[in-house]
């Protein structure tokens, strides 16, 4: 498959991709998730891009499989609406204040090397 494109999509309510298999690349760049976004149990066979996406509700990435390894996902520029929501990020990723009072998602390795 060529992949799935959800670039600039707006999800108004809760969305559940749990158990889905993305056999090609998956793009969620600049997507807005206004409700909870569940990806738990999903499989990404190729790269997954969430660059500059906004999560206004909870985000769940527990038990996600990245067949190309941890470097095949990107959360560059992601904005988190509130740390009060329940968030589960893939192993090796966590929330961090981006210096402007907003939260973003960063690699744990990036924090420990600072």
N, C-alpha and C. Protein backbone atom coordinates (compact mmCIF):
# COMPACT_ATOMS: atom_id res chain seq x y z
N UNK A 1 0.84 -1.19 0.00
CA UNK A 1 0.00 0.00 0.00
C UNK A 1 0.88 1.24 0.00
N UNK A 2 0.40 2.30 -0.61
CA UNK A 2 1.14 3.56 -0.66
C UNK A 2 1.10 4.27 0.68
N UNK A 3 0.12 3.98 1.49
CA UNK A 3 0.04 4.62 2.79
C UNK A 3 -1.30 5.26 3.04
N UNK A 4 -1.42 5.81 4.23
CA UNK A 4 -2.65 6.49 4.65
C UNK A 4 -2.30 7.93 4.98
N UNK A 5 -3.06 8.86 4.41
CA UNK A 5 -2.81 10.29 4.63
C UNK A 5 -3.97 10.92 5.39
N UNK A 6 -3.64 11.43 6.57
CA UNK A 6 -4.60 12.17 7.37
C UNK A 6 -4.06 13.58 7.65
N UNK A 7 -3.16 14.06 6.79
CA UNK A 7 -2.58 15.39 6.96
C UNK A 7 -3.69 16.43 7.06
N UNK A 8 -3.56 17.32 8.04
CA UNK A 8 -4.48 18.44 8.26
C UNK A 8 -5.92 18.01 8.55
N UNK A 9 -6.13 16.73 8.83
CA UNK A 9 -7.47 16.26 9.19
C UNK A 9 -7.84 16.79 10.57
N UNK A 10 -9.12 17.04 10.79
CA UNK A 10 -9.62 17.42 12.11
C UNK A 10 -10.57 16.34 12.57
N UNK A 11 -10.24 15.72 13.70
CA UNK A 11 -11.08 14.71 14.31
C UNK A 11 -11.83 15.39 15.45
N UNK A 12 -13.13 15.58 15.30
CA UNK A 12 -13.92 16.36 16.25
C UNK A 12 -14.17 15.62 17.56
N UNK A 13 -14.39 14.33 17.50
CA UNK A 13 -14.66 13.54 18.70
C UNK A 13 -13.53 12.55 18.93
N UNK A 14 -13.80 11.56 19.76
CA UNK A 14 -12.80 10.52 20.01
C UNK A 14 -12.57 9.72 18.73
N UNK A 15 -11.35 9.27 18.54
CA UNK A 15 -11.00 8.45 17.37
C UNK A 15 -10.20 7.26 17.86
N UNK A 16 -10.47 6.10 17.29
CA UNK A 16 -9.83 4.86 17.72
C UNK A 16 -9.23 4.14 16.52
N UNK A 17 -7.89 4.06 16.51
CA UNK A 17 -7.17 3.32 15.49
C UNK A 17 -6.57 2.05 16.09
N UNK A 18 -6.95 1.72 17.32
CA UNK A 18 -6.42 0.55 18.00
C UNK A 18 -6.64 -0.72 17.20
N UNK A 19 -5.59 -1.50 17.05
CA UNK A 19 -5.67 -2.74 16.30
C UNK A 19 -5.52 -2.56 14.81
N UNK A 20 -5.50 -1.33 14.31
CA UNK A 20 -5.34 -1.09 12.87
C UNK A 20 -3.93 -1.44 12.43
N UNK A 21 -3.81 -1.85 11.19
CA UNK A 21 -2.50 -2.11 10.59
C UNK A 21 -2.30 -1.13 9.45
N UNK A 22 -1.27 -0.31 9.56
CA UNK A 22 -0.89 0.62 8.50
C UNK A 22 0.25 -0.04 7.74
N UNK A 23 -0.05 -0.60 6.56
CA UNK A 23 0.95 -1.37 5.84
C UNK A 23 1.91 -0.50 5.05
N UNK A 24 1.54 0.75 4.80
CA UNK A 24 2.44 1.71 4.17
C UNK A 24 2.71 2.83 5.15
N UNK A 25 3.23 3.92 4.66
CA UNK A 25 3.48 5.07 5.53
C UNK A 25 2.16 5.65 6.02
N UNK A 26 2.19 6.23 7.22
CA UNK A 26 1.00 6.85 7.81
C UNK A 26 1.33 8.30 8.14
N UNK A 27 0.59 9.23 7.54
CA UNK A 27 0.82 10.64 7.76
C UNK A 27 -0.35 11.24 8.53
N UNK A 28 -0.04 11.84 9.67
CA UNK A 28 -1.01 12.57 10.47
C UNK A 28 -0.50 13.99 10.70
N UNK A 29 0.33 14.49 9.81
CA UNK A 29 0.93 15.81 9.93
C UNK A 29 -0.11 16.91 10.02
N UNK A 30 0.05 17.76 11.01
CA UNK A 30 -0.83 18.91 11.25
C UNK A 30 -2.28 18.49 11.50
N UNK A 31 -2.51 17.22 11.82
CA UNK A 31 -3.87 16.77 12.16
C UNK A 31 -4.23 17.32 13.55
N UNK A 32 -5.52 17.52 13.77
CA UNK A 32 -6.01 17.99 15.07
C UNK A 32 -6.94 16.94 15.65
N UNK A 33 -6.60 16.48 16.84
CA UNK A 33 -7.41 15.51 17.56
C UNK A 33 -8.09 16.25 18.71
N UNK A 34 -9.38 16.56 18.57
CA UNK A 34 -10.09 17.32 19.61
C UNK A 34 -10.63 16.44 20.73
N UNK A 35 -10.79 15.16 20.47
CA UNK A 35 -11.18 14.21 21.51
C UNK A 35 -9.99 13.32 21.82
N UNK A 36 -10.24 12.20 22.47
CA UNK A 36 -9.16 11.25 22.75
C UNK A 36 -8.76 10.54 21.46
N UNK A 37 -7.46 10.27 21.31
CA UNK A 37 -6.94 9.58 20.13
C UNK A 37 -6.30 8.28 20.58
N UNK A 38 -6.89 7.16 20.19
CA UNK A 38 -6.38 5.86 20.59
C UNK A 38 -5.70 5.13 19.45
N UNK A 39 -4.44 4.79 19.66
CA UNK A 39 -3.68 4.02 18.68
C UNK A 39 -3.18 2.71 19.29
N UNK A 40 -3.61 2.41 20.52
CA UNK A 40 -3.13 1.23 21.23
C UNK A 40 -3.34 -0.05 20.44
N UNK A 41 -2.29 -0.81 20.31
CA UNK A 41 -2.37 -2.08 19.60
C UNK A 41 -2.24 -1.96 18.09
N UNK A 42 -2.08 -0.73 17.57
CA UNK A 42 -1.91 -0.54 16.12
C UNK A 42 -0.53 -1.01 15.69
N UNK A 43 -0.41 -1.35 14.43
CA UNK A 43 0.87 -1.75 13.84
C UNK A 43 1.19 -0.81 12.69
N UNK A 44 2.38 -0.24 12.74
CA UNK A 44 2.88 0.62 11.67
C UNK A 44 4.02 -0.15 10.99
N UNK A 45 3.78 -0.59 9.76
CA UNK A 45 4.78 -1.38 9.03
C UNK A 45 5.87 -0.51 8.42
N UNK A 46 5.55 0.76 8.21
CA UNK A 46 6.49 1.70 7.62
C UNK A 46 6.56 2.91 8.56
N UNK A 47 6.94 4.04 8.06
CA UNK A 47 7.09 5.25 8.89
C UNK A 47 5.73 5.84 9.28
N UNK A 48 5.71 6.48 10.46
CA UNK A 48 4.51 7.17 10.95
C UNK A 48 4.91 8.60 11.28
N UNK A 49 4.19 9.57 10.73
CA UNK A 49 4.52 10.98 10.90
C UNK A 49 3.35 11.70 11.55
N UNK A 50 3.60 12.26 12.74
CA UNK A 50 2.61 13.05 13.46
C UNK A 50 3.08 14.49 13.60
N UNK A 51 4.00 14.91 12.75
CA UNK A 51 4.60 16.23 12.84
C UNK A 51 3.57 17.36 12.90
N UNK A 52 3.72 18.19 13.92
CA UNK A 52 2.89 19.37 14.14
C UNK A 52 1.42 19.05 14.35
N UNK A 53 1.11 17.81 14.70
CA UNK A 53 -0.27 17.45 15.07
C UNK A 53 -0.60 18.06 16.43
N UNK A 54 -1.88 18.25 16.69
CA UNK A 54 -2.33 18.79 17.97
C UNK A 54 -3.25 17.77 18.64
N UNK A 55 -2.91 17.42 19.88
CA UNK A 55 -3.72 16.50 20.67
C UNK A 55 -4.38 17.30 21.78
N UNK A 56 -5.67 17.60 21.62
CA UNK A 56 -6.40 18.35 22.65
C UNK A 56 -7.03 17.45 23.70
N UNK A 57 -7.17 16.18 23.41
CA UNK A 57 -7.65 15.20 24.36
C UNK A 57 -6.49 14.29 24.75
N UNK A 58 -6.82 13.14 25.27
CA UNK A 58 -5.78 12.17 25.61
C UNK A 58 -5.22 11.52 24.36
N UNK A 59 -4.02 11.00 24.47
CA UNK A 59 -3.38 10.29 23.36
C UNK A 59 -2.87 8.96 23.88
N UNK A 60 -3.26 7.88 23.23
CA UNK A 60 -2.86 6.55 23.68
C UNK A 60 -2.10 5.79 22.61
N UNK A 61 -0.82 5.54 22.89
CA UNK A 61 0.03 4.80 21.97
C UNK A 61 0.61 3.55 22.63
N UNK A 62 -0.06 3.05 23.66
CA UNK A 62 0.43 1.85 24.34
C UNK A 62 0.32 0.62 23.44
N UNK A 63 1.28 -0.25 23.54
CA UNK A 63 1.30 -1.53 22.80
C UNK A 63 1.28 -1.35 21.30
N UNK A 64 1.80 -0.22 20.83
CA UNK A 64 1.92 0.02 19.38
C UNK A 64 3.17 -0.68 18.88
N UNK A 65 3.07 -1.27 17.70
CA UNK A 65 4.22 -1.94 17.09
C UNK A 65 4.72 -1.08 15.93
N UNK A 66 6.03 -0.76 15.98
CA UNK A 66 6.68 -0.05 14.89
C UNK A 66 7.67 -1.04 14.28
N UNK A 67 7.26 -1.67 13.18
CA UNK A 67 8.06 -2.74 12.61
C UNK A 67 9.43 -2.28 12.13
N UNK A 68 9.58 -0.99 11.85
CA UNK A 68 10.89 -0.46 11.43
C UNK A 68 11.68 0.10 12.60
N UNK A 69 11.19 -0.09 13.80
CA UNK A 69 11.91 0.36 14.99
C UNK A 69 11.49 1.74 15.47
N UNK A 70 12.07 2.16 16.60
CA UNK A 70 11.66 3.42 17.23
C UNK A 70 11.96 4.68 16.44
N UNK A 71 12.86 4.61 15.49
CA UNK A 71 13.18 5.80 14.69
C UNK A 71 12.22 5.99 13.52
N UNK A 72 11.23 5.11 13.40
CA UNK A 72 10.31 5.22 12.27
C UNK A 72 9.08 6.06 12.58
N UNK A 73 9.04 6.67 13.77
CA UNK A 73 7.92 7.55 14.13
C UNK A 73 8.46 8.93 14.44
N UNK A 74 7.69 9.95 14.09
CA UNK A 74 8.10 11.32 14.38
C UNK A 74 6.96 12.09 15.01
N UNK A 75 7.29 12.78 16.11
CA UNK A 75 6.36 13.68 16.78
C UNK A 75 6.88 15.12 16.75
N UNK A 76 7.72 15.46 15.79
CA UNK A 76 8.32 16.79 15.70
C UNK A 76 7.25 17.87 15.67
N UNK A 77 7.33 18.80 16.59
CA UNK A 77 6.42 19.94 16.62
C UNK A 77 5.02 19.64 17.12
N UNK A 78 4.80 18.45 17.67
CA UNK A 78 3.47 18.11 18.20
C UNK A 78 3.12 19.02 19.36
N UNK A 79 1.86 19.43 19.44
CA UNK A 79 1.38 20.28 20.52
C UNK A 79 0.37 19.49 21.34
N UNK A 80 0.52 19.54 22.66
CA UNK A 80 -0.37 18.85 23.58
C UNK A 80 -1.25 19.89 24.26
N UNK A 81 -2.57 19.74 24.14
CA UNK A 81 -3.49 20.72 24.69
C UNK A 81 -3.46 20.80 26.20
N UNK A 82 -3.30 19.67 26.88
CA UNK A 82 -3.32 19.67 28.34
C UNK A 82 -2.64 18.42 28.88
N UNK A 83 -1.83 18.61 29.90
CA UNK A 83 -1.21 17.45 30.55
C UNK A 83 -2.20 16.77 31.48
N UNK A 84 -3.36 17.40 31.70
CA UNK A 84 -4.39 16.81 32.56
C UNK A 84 -5.05 15.59 31.92
N UNK A 85 -5.00 15.49 30.60
CA UNK A 85 -5.58 14.34 29.91
C UNK A 85 -4.65 13.14 30.06
N UNK A 86 -5.21 11.96 29.88
CA UNK A 86 -4.42 10.73 29.98
C UNK A 86 -3.63 10.52 28.69
N UNK A 87 -2.31 10.39 28.84
CA UNK A 87 -1.45 10.19 27.69
C UNK A 87 -0.58 8.96 27.91
N UNK A 88 -0.47 8.13 26.88
CA UNK A 88 0.45 7.00 26.88
C UNK A 88 1.22 7.09 25.57
N UNK A 89 2.52 7.38 25.68
CA UNK A 89 3.35 7.55 24.48
C UNK A 89 4.14 6.29 24.23
N UNK A 90 4.59 6.08 22.98
CA UNK A 90 5.41 4.90 22.70
C UNK A 90 6.67 4.90 23.58
N UNK A 91 7.19 3.74 23.81
CA UNK A 91 8.41 3.62 24.59
C UNK A 91 9.48 4.52 24.00
N UNK A 92 10.15 5.29 24.87
CA UNK A 92 11.21 6.18 24.42
C UNK A 92 10.74 7.60 24.15
N UNK A 93 9.45 7.88 24.38
CA UNK A 93 8.90 9.22 24.15
C UNK A 93 8.20 9.71 25.40
N UNK A 94 8.20 11.03 25.63
CA UNK A 94 7.52 11.60 26.80
C UNK A 94 7.18 13.06 26.55
N UNK A 95 6.33 13.59 27.44
CA UNK A 95 5.96 15.00 27.36
C UNK A 95 7.07 15.87 27.91
N UNK A 96 7.21 17.08 27.35
CA UNK A 96 8.15 18.06 27.85
C UNK A 96 7.63 19.46 27.52
N UNK A 97 7.85 20.39 28.44
CA UNK A 97 7.52 21.79 28.18
C UNK A 97 8.45 22.28 27.08
N UNK A 98 7.89 22.93 26.06
CA UNK A 98 8.72 23.38 24.95
C UNK A 98 9.36 24.75 25.17
N UNK A 99 9.25 25.27 26.40
CA UNK A 99 9.87 26.55 26.72
C UNK A 99 8.95 27.74 26.56
N UNK A 100 7.76 27.50 26.01
CA UNK A 100 6.79 28.59 25.84
C UNK A 100 5.54 28.35 26.70
N UNK A 101 5.64 27.38 27.61
CA UNK A 101 4.49 27.04 28.44
C UNK A 101 3.58 26.01 27.80
N UNK A 102 3.93 25.54 26.62
CA UNK A 102 3.16 24.50 25.94
C UNK A 102 3.91 23.19 26.03
N UNK A 103 3.19 22.11 25.90
CA UNK A 103 3.81 20.79 25.96
C UNK A 103 3.98 20.22 24.57
N UNK A 104 5.04 19.44 24.40
CA UNK A 104 5.28 18.72 23.16
C UNK A 104 5.77 17.32 23.52
N UNK A 105 6.00 16.50 22.54
CA UNK A 105 6.45 15.12 22.74
C UNK A 105 7.87 15.02 22.23
N UNK A 106 8.76 14.51 23.07
CA UNK A 106 10.18 14.41 22.70
C UNK A 106 10.71 13.02 23.01
N UNK A 107 11.80 12.68 22.32
CA UNK A 107 12.48 11.42 22.60
C UNK A 107 13.14 11.51 23.97
N UNK A 108 13.01 10.48 24.75
CA UNK A 108 13.64 10.43 26.05
C UNK A 108 15.15 10.61 25.93
N UNK A 109 15.74 10.06 24.88
CA UNK A 109 17.19 10.19 24.64
C UNK A 109 17.59 11.64 24.47
N UNK A 110 16.73 12.46 23.86
CA UNK A 110 17.02 13.87 23.64
C UNK A 110 17.08 14.62 24.96
N UNK A 111 16.27 14.22 25.92
CA UNK A 111 16.24 14.88 27.24
C UNK A 111 17.46 14.50 28.06
N UNK A 112 17.81 13.21 28.05
CA UNK A 112 18.93 12.76 28.87
C UNK A 112 20.27 13.21 28.34
N UNK A 113 20.34 13.58 27.05
CA UNK A 113 21.61 14.04 26.50
C UNK A 113 21.84 15.54 26.65
N UNK A 114 20.85 16.25 27.21
CA UNK A 114 20.99 17.71 27.36
C UNK A 114 21.81 18.07 28.56
